C-alpha atoms as a PDB file:
ATOM      1  CA  MET A   1     -81.393 -95.074   7.320  1.00  0.00           C
ATOM      2  CA  PRO A   2     -83.795 -92.907   5.812  1.00  0.00           C
ATOM      3  CA  PRO A   3     -82.556 -91.438   2.075  1.00  0.00           C
ATOM      4  CA  GLY A   4     -80.760 -88.204   2.880  1.00  0.00           C
ATOM      5  CA  THR A   5     -79.708 -89.162   6.315  1.00  0.00           C
ATOM      6  CA  ALA A   6     -75.702 -89.024   7.307  1.00  0.00           C
ATOM      7  CA  PRO A   7     -74.831 -91.766   9.350  1.00  0.00           C
ATOM      8  CA  ASP A   8     -74.813 -91.597  13.228  1.00  0.00           C
ATOM      9  CA  ILE A   9     -71.701 -91.934  14.979  1.00  0.00           C
ATOM     10  CA  GLY A  10     -73.336 -92.107  18.321  1.00  0.00           C
ATOM     11  CA  PRO A  11     -74.003 -95.912  18.002  1.00  0.00           C
ATOM     12  CA  HIS A  12     -70.747 -97.064  16.946  1.00  0.00           C
ATOM     13  CA  ILE A  13     -69.021 -94.733  19.757  1.00  0.00           C
ATOM     14  CA  GLN A  14     -71.333 -96.806  22.092  1.00  0.00           C
ATOM     15  CA  ALA A  15     -70.710 -99.958  20.429  1.00  0.00           C
ATOM     16  CA  VAL A  16     -67.009 -99.651  20.875  1.00  0.00           C
ATOM     17  CA  THR A  17     -67.303 -98.807  24.495  1.00  0.00           C
ATOM     18  CA  VAL A  18     -69.710-101.240  25.402  1.00  0.00           C
ATOM     19  CA  ARG A  19     -67.264-103.776  23.600  1.00  0.00           C
ATOM     20  CA  LEU A  20     -64.318-102.795  25.849  1.00  0.00           C
ATOM     21  CA  THR A  21     -66.621-102.961  29.218  1.00  0.00           C
ATOM     22  CA  GLU A  22     -67.794-106.363  28.075  1.00  0.00           C
ATOM     23  CA  GLN A  23     -63.894-107.224  27.883  1.00  0.00           C
ATOM     24  CA  GLY A  24     -63.724-106.407  31.428  1.00  0.00           C
ATOM     25  CA  LEU A  25     -61.721-103.079  31.292  1.00  0.00           C
ATOM     26  CA  THR A  26     -62.684 -99.978  33.006  1.00  0.00           C
ATOM     27  CA  VAL A  27     -63.223 -96.988  30.343  1.00  0.00           C
ATOM     28  CA  GLY A  28     -62.860 -93.550  30.764  1.00  0.00           C
ATOM     29  CA  ASP A  29     -64.742 -90.883  27.870  1.00  0.00           C
ATOM     30  CA  GLY A  30     -61.727 -88.529  27.051  1.00  0.00           C
ATOM     31  CA  GLY A  31     -59.592 -89.426  29.559  1.00  0.00           C
ATOM     32  CA  ALA A  32     -59.356 -91.278  32.761  1.00  0.00           C
ATOM     33  CA  PRO A  33     -62.580 -92.544  34.178  1.00  0.00           C
ATOM     34  CA  ALA A  34     -64.093 -90.989  37.257  1.00  0.00           C
ATOM     35  CA  ALA A  35     -63.688 -93.689  39.563  1.00  0.00           C
ATOM     36  CA  ARG A  36     -60.095 -95.618  38.730  1.00  0.00           C
ATOM     37  CA  PRO A  37     -59.907 -98.970  39.219  1.00  0.00           C
ATOM     38  CA  ALA A  38     -57.673-100.150  42.216  1.00  0.00           C
ATOM     39  CA  ASN A  39     -55.552-102.077  39.905  1.00  0.00           C
ATOM     40  CA  GLY A  40     -54.576 -98.574  37.938  1.00  0.00           C
ATOM     41  CA  ARG A  41     -55.409-100.358  34.839  1.00  0.00           C
ATOM     42  CA  TYR A  42     -57.914 -98.454  32.457  1.00  0.00           C
ATOM     43  CA  VAL A  43     -58.654 -97.457  29.220  1.00  0.00           C
ATOM     44  CA  ALA A  44     -59.464 -93.981  27.914  1.00  0.00           C
ATOM     45  CA  VAL A  45     -61.636 -93.380  24.721  1.00  0.00           C
ATOM     46  CA  TYR A  46     -61.324 -90.589  22.251  1.00  0.00           C
ATOM     47  CA  PHE A  47     -63.296 -90.478  18.776  1.00  0.00           C
ATOM     48  CA  ASP A  48     -62.943 -88.234  15.682  1.00  0.00           C
ATOM     49  CA  PRO A  49     -65.984 -87.036  14.357  1.00  0.00           C
ATOM     50  CA  GLY A  50     -66.055 -89.577  11.650  1.00  0.00           C
ATOM     51  CA  GLN A  51     -66.573 -89.235   7.687  1.00  0.00           C
ATOM     52  CA  SER A  52     -69.643 -89.803   5.988  1.00  0.00           C
ATOM     53  CA  LEU A  53     -68.467 -91.507   2.291  1.00  0.00           C
ATOM     54  CA  SER A  54     -70.264 -91.976  -0.910  1.00  0.00           C
ATOM     55  CA  GLU A  55     -70.945 -95.663  -1.690  1.00  0.00           C
ATOM     56  CA  SER A  56     -70.879 -95.241  -5.162  1.00  0.00           C
ATOM     57  CA  LEU A  57     -71.027 -92.353  -8.114  1.00  0.00           C
ATOM     58  CA  ALA A  58     -74.549 -91.774  -7.446  1.00  0.00           C
ATOM     59  CA  ASP A  59     -73.063 -90.017  -4.022  1.00  0.00           C
ATOM     60  CA  ARG A  60     -75.166 -91.792  -1.299  1.00  0.00           C
ATOM     61  CA  ARG A  61     -73.166 -90.957   1.716  1.00  0.00           C
ATOM     62  CA  THR A  62     -74.090 -93.935   3.459  1.00  0.00           C
ATOM     63  CA  MET A  63     -70.457 -95.434   4.419  1.00  0.00           C
ATOM     64  CA  LEU A  64     -69.129 -94.172   7.746  1.00  0.00           C
ATOM     65  CA  ALA A  65     -65.407 -94.389   8.449  1.00  0.00           C
ATOM     66  CA  LEU A  66     -64.599 -93.523  11.994  1.00  0.00           C
ATOM     67  CA  GLY A  67     -61.377 -92.915  13.915  1.00  0.00           C
ATOM     68  CA  PHE A  68     -60.648 -93.374  17.504  1.00  0.00           C
ATOM     69  CA  GLN A  69     -57.493 -93.764  19.949  1.00  0.00           C
ATOM     70  CA  LEU A  70     -57.390 -96.052  22.811  1.00  0.00           C
ATOM     71  CA  THR A  71     -55.187 -94.880  25.587  1.00  0.00           C
ATOM     72  CA  CYS A  72     -54.001 -97.970  27.607  1.00  0.00           C
ATOM     73  CA  VAL A  73     -52.902 -97.098  30.988  1.00  0.00           C
ATOM     74  CA  ALA A  74     -51.496 -98.883  33.642  1.00  0.00           C
ATOM     75  CA  PRO A  75     -48.988 -98.962  36.602  1.00  0.00           C
ATOM     76  CA  THR A  76     -46.280-100.937  34.960  1.00  0.00           C
ATOM     77  CA  THR A  77     -45.046-101.436  31.128  1.00  0.00           C
ATOM     78  CA  THR A  78     -46.291-105.125  30.954  1.00  0.00           C
ATOM     79  CA  ALA A  79     -49.710-104.186  32.751  1.00  0.00           C
ATOM     80  CA  CYS A  80     -49.899-101.317  30.146  1.00  0.00           C
ATOM     81  CA  LEU A  81     -49.467-103.945  27.178  1.00  0.00           C
ATOM     82  CA  TRP A  82     -51.788-106.568  29.150  1.00  0.00           C
ATOM     83  CA  VAL A  83     -54.308-103.393  28.403  1.00  0.00           C
ATOM     84  CA  ALA A  84     -53.469-103.227  24.882  1.00  0.00           C
ATOM     85  CA  GLN A  85     -53.843-107.041  24.276  1.00  0.00           C
ATOM     86  CA  GLN A  86     -57.381-107.166  25.735  1.00  0.00           C
ATOM     87  CA  VAL A  87     -58.245-104.041  23.495  1.00  0.00           C
ATOM     88  CA  ARG A  88     -57.149-106.137  20.986  1.00  0.00           C
ATOM     89  CA  HIS A  89     -59.195-109.020  21.732  1.00  0.00           C
ATOM     90  CA  ALA A  90     -62.044-106.889  22.407  1.00  0.00           C
ATOM     91  CA  LEU A  91     -62.424-105.650  18.913  1.00  0.00           C
ATOM     92  CA  HIS A  92     -61.175-108.484  17.215  1.00  0.00           C
ATOM     93  CA  ARG A  93     -64.888-109.399  16.316  1.00  0.00           C
ATOM     94  CA  PRO A  94     -66.975-106.888  14.355  1.00  0.00           C
ATOM     95  CA  LEU A  95     -68.769-104.790  16.354  1.00  0.00           C
ATOM     96  CA  VAL A  96     -72.896-104.792  16.054  1.00  0.00           C
ATOM     97  CA  VAL A  97     -74.360-101.591  15.277  1.00  0.00           C
ATOM     98  CA  GLN A  98     -78.085-101.575  14.644  1.00  0.00           C
ATOM     99  CA  GLY A  99     -79.051-101.244  11.418  1.00  0.00           C
ATOM    100  CA  ARG A 100     -75.191-101.187   9.970  1.00  0.00           C
ATOM    101  CA  ALA A 101     -73.106-103.569   8.717  1.00  0.00           C
ATOM    102  CA  THR A 102     -69.669-103.276  10.071  1.00  0.00           C
ATOM    103  CA  TRP A 103     -66.289-104.012   9.004  1.00  0.00           C
ATOM    104  CA  ARG A 104     -63.755-105.200  12.054  1.00  0.00           C
ATOM    105  CA  ALA A 105     -62.031-102.550  13.589  1.00  0.00           C
ATOM    106  CA  GLU A 106     -58.708-101.938  11.498  1.00  0.00           C
ATOM    107  CA  GLU A 107     -55.930-101.520  14.273  1.00  0.00           C
ATOM    108  CA  LEU A 108     -53.348 -98.895  12.704  1.00  0.00           C
ATOM    109  CA  GLY A 109     -50.854 -98.904  15.385  1.00  0.00           C
ATOM    110  CA  GLY A 110     -48.970 -96.271  17.651  1.00  0.00           C
ATOM    111  CA  PRO A 111     -45.778 -95.165  19.365  1.00  0.00           C
ATOM    112  CA  TYR A 112     -43.845 -97.430  22.027  1.00  0.00           C
ATOM    113  CA  VAL A 113     -45.245 -97.547  25.948  1.00  0.00           C
ATOM    114  CA  GLN A 114     -44.140 -93.903  27.765  1.00  0.00           C
ATOM    115  CA  ARG A 115     -43.992 -93.305  31.178  1.00  0.00           C
ATOM    116  CA  ASP A 116     -45.550 -90.470  32.619  1.00  0.00           C
ATOM    117  CA  ASP A 117     -43.337 -88.794  35.310  1.00  0.00           C
ATOM    118  CA  ASP A 118     -45.563 -85.677  36.258  1.00  0.00           C
ATOM    119  CA  VAL A 119     -47.985 -88.262  38.535  1.00  0.00           C
ATOM    120  CA  SER A 120     -46.822 -89.606  41.644  1.00  0.00           C
ATOM    121  CA  PRO A 121     -46.226 -92.709  41.119  1.00  0.00           C
ATOM    122  CA  PRO A 122     -45.651 -92.378  37.684  1.00  0.00           C
ATOM    123  CA  PHE A 123     -47.740 -94.466  35.220  1.00  0.00           C
ATOM    124  CA  PHE A 124     -47.525 -96.106  31.689  1.00  0.00           C
ATOM    125  CA  TYR A 125     -49.678 -95.565  28.535  1.00  0.00           C
ATOM    126  CA  LEU A 126     -49.938 -96.506  25.149  1.00  0.00           C
ATOM    127  CA  PRO A 127     -52.203 -95.076  22.565  1.00  0.00           C
ATOM    128  CA  VAL A 128     -53.100 -97.089  19.578  1.00  0.00           C
ATOM    129  CA  GLN A 129     -55.085 -96.010  16.740  1.00  0.00           C
ATOM    130  CA  TYR A 130     -58.283 -97.505  15.522  1.00  0.00           C
ATOM    131  CA  ARG A 131     -60.364 -97.384  12.487  1.00  0.00           C
ATOM    132  CA  LEU A 132     -64.297 -98.763  12.156  1.00  0.00           C
ATOM    133  CA  GLN A 133     -66.057 -98.747   9.008  1.00  0.00           C
ATOM    134  CA  SER A 134     -69.977 -99.503   8.316  1.00  0.00           C
ATOM    135  CA  THR A 135     -72.328 -99.316   5.893  1.00  0.00           C
END
């Protein structure tokens, strides 16, 4: 990364999305995917803008902390928890971001599985928060 350049969140977002897809999950960017899978299981990803942090007192802002929420969706509670477990498996290893050293994504948790009765048939969802850091 050239001096004076802030870390780019784009490759980090791509790394998360690729890893989830490699785990066999269907991923929607900011909501349900355009083509929902027949089994009704998917993950909707939501990213924050990230934070560029100082690595030292010299104020070189090369560290990046990126928060994101993965909302696991499925037709039953058990299937929803299965999706959440697949997400956990996918993010267990550190992500690969070209030119960056990444920490393993930190799972910050979320609420219990919830049922959405505003759609027919109803579905279940579980938002889980994560944080990814790199330098």
